[in-house]
Amino acid sequence: MFTFVVFSIWIAFSKYGSIKLGPDDSEPEYSLISWFAMLFSAGMGVGLVFWGVAEPLNHFVNPLGMEGGTAAAADFAIKKSFFHWGLHPWANYSVLALALAYIQYNGYKYRLRSS
């Protein structure tokens, strides 16, 4: 997962970060701030509606390698949940999303098996 974080940062700040999705003469439909707000709201909204409560409780009741319902289990549950909702999963999502967006908006066949 750390590799996805490093790769995402590299893509963003390298020459590949300025590749346009769509035809060369196209203009963005949304500003960068609007796009980020929509992406963040959708991702966090969908996940937190259910998993915001269910994931920490699940890790508290059934922690890996320790007894559930203890102070150590509560600490484990919060740390594990923060790990699952931090930079690492977002970097993972962005790598796949960028690949799919490039295929979709640049006129390629929209299949994962396309090359």
C-alpha atoms as a PDB file:
ATOM      1  CA  MET A   1       0.000   0.000   0.000  1.00  0.00           C
ATOM      2  CA  PHE A   2       2.897   2.356   0.672  1.00  0.00           C
ATOM      3  CA  THR A   3       3.964   1.799  -2.935  1.00  0.00           C
ATOM      4  CA  PHE A   4       0.569   3.090  -4.094  1.00  0.00           C
ATOM      5  CA  VAL A   5       1.031   6.233  -1.975  1.00  0.00           C
ATOM      6  CA  VAL A   6       4.498   6.882  -3.412  1.00  0.00           C
ATOM      7  CA  PHE A   7       3.315   6.122  -6.959  1.00  0.00           C
ATOM      8  CA  SER A   8       0.318   8.470  -6.612  1.00  0.00           C
ATOM      9  CA  ILE A   9       2.516  11.304  -5.361  1.00  0.00           C
ATOM     10  CA  TRP A  10       5.020  10.667  -8.154  1.00  0.00           C
ATOM     11  CA  ILE A  11       2.268  10.724 -10.801  1.00  0.00           C
ATOM     12  CA  ALA A  12       0.831  13.955  -9.404  1.00  0.00           C
ATOM     13  CA  PHE A  13       4.134  15.847  -9.485  1.00  0.00           C
ATOM     14  CA  SER A  14       5.753  14.305 -12.575  1.00  0.00           C
ATOM     15  CA  LYS A  15       5.170  15.184 -16.217  1.00  0.00           C
ATOM     16  CA  TYR A  16       2.401  12.554 -16.257  1.00  0.00           C
ATOM     17  CA  GLY A  17       0.342  14.580 -13.794  1.00  0.00           C
ATOM     18  CA  SER A  18      -0.553  17.027 -16.538  1.00  0.00           C
ATOM     19  CA  ILE A  19      -1.894  14.464 -19.033  1.00  0.00           C
ATOM     20  CA  LYS A  20      -5.341  15.569 -20.112  1.00  0.00           C
ATOM     21  CA  LEU A  21      -8.270  13.182 -19.818  1.00  0.00           C
ATOM     22  CA  GLY A  22     -10.183  13.644 -23.047  1.00  0.00           C
ATOM     23  CA  PRO A  23      -9.453  15.308 -26.379  1.00  0.00           C
ATOM     24  CA  ASP A  24      -6.656  17.871 -26.580  1.00  0.00           C
ATOM     25  CA  ASP A  25      -9.101  20.758 -27.068  1.00  0.00           C
ATOM     26  CA  SER A  26     -11.401  19.838 -24.165  1.00  0.00           C
ATOM     27  CA  GLU A  27     -11.852  22.044 -21.107  1.00  0.00           C
ATOM     28  CA  PRO A  28     -12.480  20.789 -17.554  1.00  0.00           C
ATOM     29  CA  GLU A  29     -16.142  20.694 -16.590  1.00  0.00           C
ATOM     30  CA  TYR A  30     -15.364  21.331 -12.903  1.00  0.00           C
ATOM     31  CA  SER A  31     -12.646  23.229 -11.079  1.00  0.00           C
ATOM     32  CA  LEU A  32     -10.006  21.286  -9.158  1.00  0.00           C
ATOM     33  CA  ILE A  33     -11.568  22.218  -5.815  1.00  0.00           C
ATOM     34  CA  SER A  34     -15.064  21.169  -6.959  1.00  0.00           C
ATOM     35  CA  TRP A  35     -13.743  17.888  -8.320  1.00  0.00           C
ATOM     36  CA  PHE A  36     -11.873  17.130  -5.093  1.00  0.00           C
ATOM     37  CA  ALA A  37     -14.923  18.010  -2.978  1.00  0.00           C
ATOM     38  CA  MET A  38     -17.173  15.678  -5.005  1.00  0.00           C
ATOM     39  CA  LEU A  39     -14.655  12.830  -4.890  1.00  0.00           C
ATOM     40  CA  PHE A  40     -13.993  13.208  -1.184  1.00  0.00           C
ATOM     41  CA  SER A  41     -17.681  13.580  -0.286  1.00  0.00           C
ATOM     42  CA  ALA A  42     -18.751  10.549  -2.299  1.00  0.00           C
ATOM     43  CA  GLY A  43     -15.954   8.336  -1.011  1.00  0.00           C
ATOM     44  CA  MET A  44     -16.240   9.308   2.628  1.00  0.00           C
ATOM     45  CA  GLY A  45     -20.039   9.518   2.597  1.00  0.00           C
ATOM     46  CA  VAL A  46     -20.550   6.045   1.201  1.00  0.00           C
ATOM     47  CA  GLY A  47     -17.966   4.487   3.469  1.00  0.00           C
ATOM     48  CA  LEU A  48     -18.703   6.281   6.700  1.00  0.00           C
ATOM     49  CA  VAL A  49     -22.476   5.780   6.595  1.00  0.00           C
ATOM     50  CA  PHE A  50     -21.945   2.108   7.375  1.00  0.00           C
ATOM     51  CA  TRP A  51     -18.295   1.470   8.159  1.00  0.00           C
ATOM     52  CA  GLY A  52     -17.761   4.530  10.341  1.00  0.00           C
ATOM     53  CA  VAL A  53     -19.385   2.665  13.221  1.00  0.00           C
ATOM     54  CA  ALA A  54     -19.288  -0.976  12.129  1.00  0.00           C
ATOM     55  CA  GLU A  55     -15.544  -1.260  11.481  1.00  0.00           C
ATOM     56  CA  PRO A  56     -14.249   0.022  14.848  1.00  0.00           C
ATOM     57  CA  LEU A  57     -16.861  -2.036  16.681  1.00  0.00           C
ATOM     58  CA  ASN A  58     -15.924  -5.149  14.744  1.00  0.00           C
ATOM     59  CA  HIS A  59     -12.223  -4.650  15.537  1.00  0.00           C
ATOM     60  CA  PHE A  60     -13.081  -3.933  19.188  1.00  0.00           C
ATOM     61  CA  VAL A  61     -15.138  -7.113  19.601  1.00  0.00           C
ATOM     62  CA  ASN A  62     -12.910  -9.376  17.470  1.00  0.00           C
ATOM     63  CA  PRO A  63      -9.377  -7.920  17.414  1.00  0.00           C
ATOM     64  CA  LEU A  64      -6.542  -9.832  15.796  1.00  0.00           C
ATOM     65  CA  GLY A  65      -4.376 -11.683  18.303  1.00  0.00           C
ATOM     66  CA  MET A  66      -5.896 -10.318  21.512  1.00  0.00           C
ATOM     67  CA  GLU A  67      -8.952 -10.502  23.706  1.00  0.00           C
ATOM     68  CA  GLY A  68     -11.925  -8.409  22.622  1.00  0.00           C
ATOM     69  CA  GLY A  69     -13.571  -5.737  24.735  1.00  0.00           C
ATOM     70  CA  THR A  70     -10.382  -4.565  26.441  1.00  0.00           C
ATOM     71  CA  ALA A  71      -8.570  -1.222  26.409  1.00  0.00           C
ATOM     72  CA  ALA A  72      -5.931  -2.748  24.126  1.00  0.00           C
ATOM     73  CA  ALA A  73      -8.689  -3.883  21.753  1.00  0.00           C
ATOM     74  CA  ALA A  74     -10.156  -0.358  21.720  1.00  0.00           C
ATOM     75  CA  ASP A  75      -6.745   1.100  20.877  1.00  0.00           C
ATOM     76  CA  PHE A  76      -6.285  -1.519  18.128  1.00  0.00           C
ATOM     77  CA  ALA A  77      -9.764  -0.826  16.726  1.00  0.00           C
ATOM     78  CA  ILE A  78      -9.202   2.918  16.385  1.00  0.00           C
ATOM     79  CA  LYS A  79      -5.713   2.541  14.887  1.00  0.00           C
ATOM     80  CA  LYS A  80      -6.893  -0.088  12.400  1.00  0.00           C
ATOM     81  CA  SER A  81      -9.864   2.048  11.357  1.00  0.00           C
ATOM     82  CA  PHE A  82      -7.685   5.140  10.864  1.00  0.00           C
ATOM     83  CA  PHE A  83      -5.332   3.050   8.735  1.00  0.00           C
ATOM     84  CA  HIS A  84      -8.246   1.871   6.585  1.00  0.00           C
ATOM     85  CA  TRP A  85      -9.507   5.439   6.047  1.00  0.00           C
ATOM     86  CA  GLY A  86      -6.192   7.261   5.596  1.00  0.00           C
ATOM     87  CA  LEU A  87      -3.944   7.936   2.600  1.00  0.00           C
ATOM     88  CA  HIS A  88      -3.263   4.303   1.786  1.00  0.00           C
ATOM     89  CA  PRO A  89      -6.691   3.257   0.513  1.00  0.00           C
ATOM     90  CA  TRP A  90      -7.174   6.590  -1.286  1.00  0.00           C
ATOM     91  CA  ALA A  91      -3.894   6.058  -3.130  1.00  0.00           C
ATOM     92  CA  ASN A  92      -5.039   2.559  -4.070  1.00  0.00           C
ATOM     93  CA  TYR A  93      -8.355   3.870  -5.396  1.00  0.00           C
ATOM     94  CA  SER A  94      -6.685   6.676  -7.329  1.00  0.00           C
ATOM     95  CA  VAL A  95      -4.319   4.387  -9.247  1.00  0.00           C
ATOM     96  CA  LEU A  96      -7.172   2.242 -10.561  1.00  0.00           C
ATOM     97  CA  ALA A  97      -9.437   5.258 -11.107  1.00  0.00           C
ATOM     98  CA  LEU A  98      -6.782   7.081 -13.142  1.00  0.00           C
ATOM     99  CA  ALA A  99      -6.269   4.040 -15.355  1.00  0.00           C
ATOM    100  CA  LEU A 100     -10.016   3.651 -15.935  1.00  0.00           C
ATOM    101  CA  ALA A 101     -10.520   7.391 -16.502  1.00  0.00           C
ATOM    102  CA  TYR A 102      -7.704   7.527 -19.053  1.00  0.00           C
ATOM    103  CA  ILE A 103      -9.228   4.593 -20.956  1.00  0.00           C
ATOM    104  CA  GLN A 104     -12.743   6.033 -20.815  1.00  0.00           C
ATOM    105  CA  TYR A 105     -12.042   9.655 -21.706  1.00  0.00           C
ATOM    106  CA  ASN A 106      -9.347   9.108 -24.335  1.00  0.00           C
ATOM    107  CA  GLY A 107     -11.393   6.950 -26.685  1.00  0.00           C
ATOM    108  CA  TYR A 108     -10.178   3.451 -25.837  1.00  0.00           C
ATOM    109  CA  LYS A 109     -12.448   0.436 -25.409  1.00  0.00           C
ATOM    110  CA  TYR A 110     -13.784   0.424 -21.862  1.00  0.00           C
ATOM    111  CA  ARG A 111     -12.743  -3.049 -20.768  1.00  0.00           C
ATOM    112  CA  LEU A 112     -10.233  -4.046 -18.118  1.00  0.00           C
ATOM    113  CA  ARG A 113      -8.819  -6.578 -20.553  1.00  0.00           C
ATOM    114  CA  SER A 114      -8.149  -3.935 -23.221  1.00  0.00           C
ATOM    115  CA  SER A 115      -4.528  -3.238 -23.966  1.00  0.00           C
END
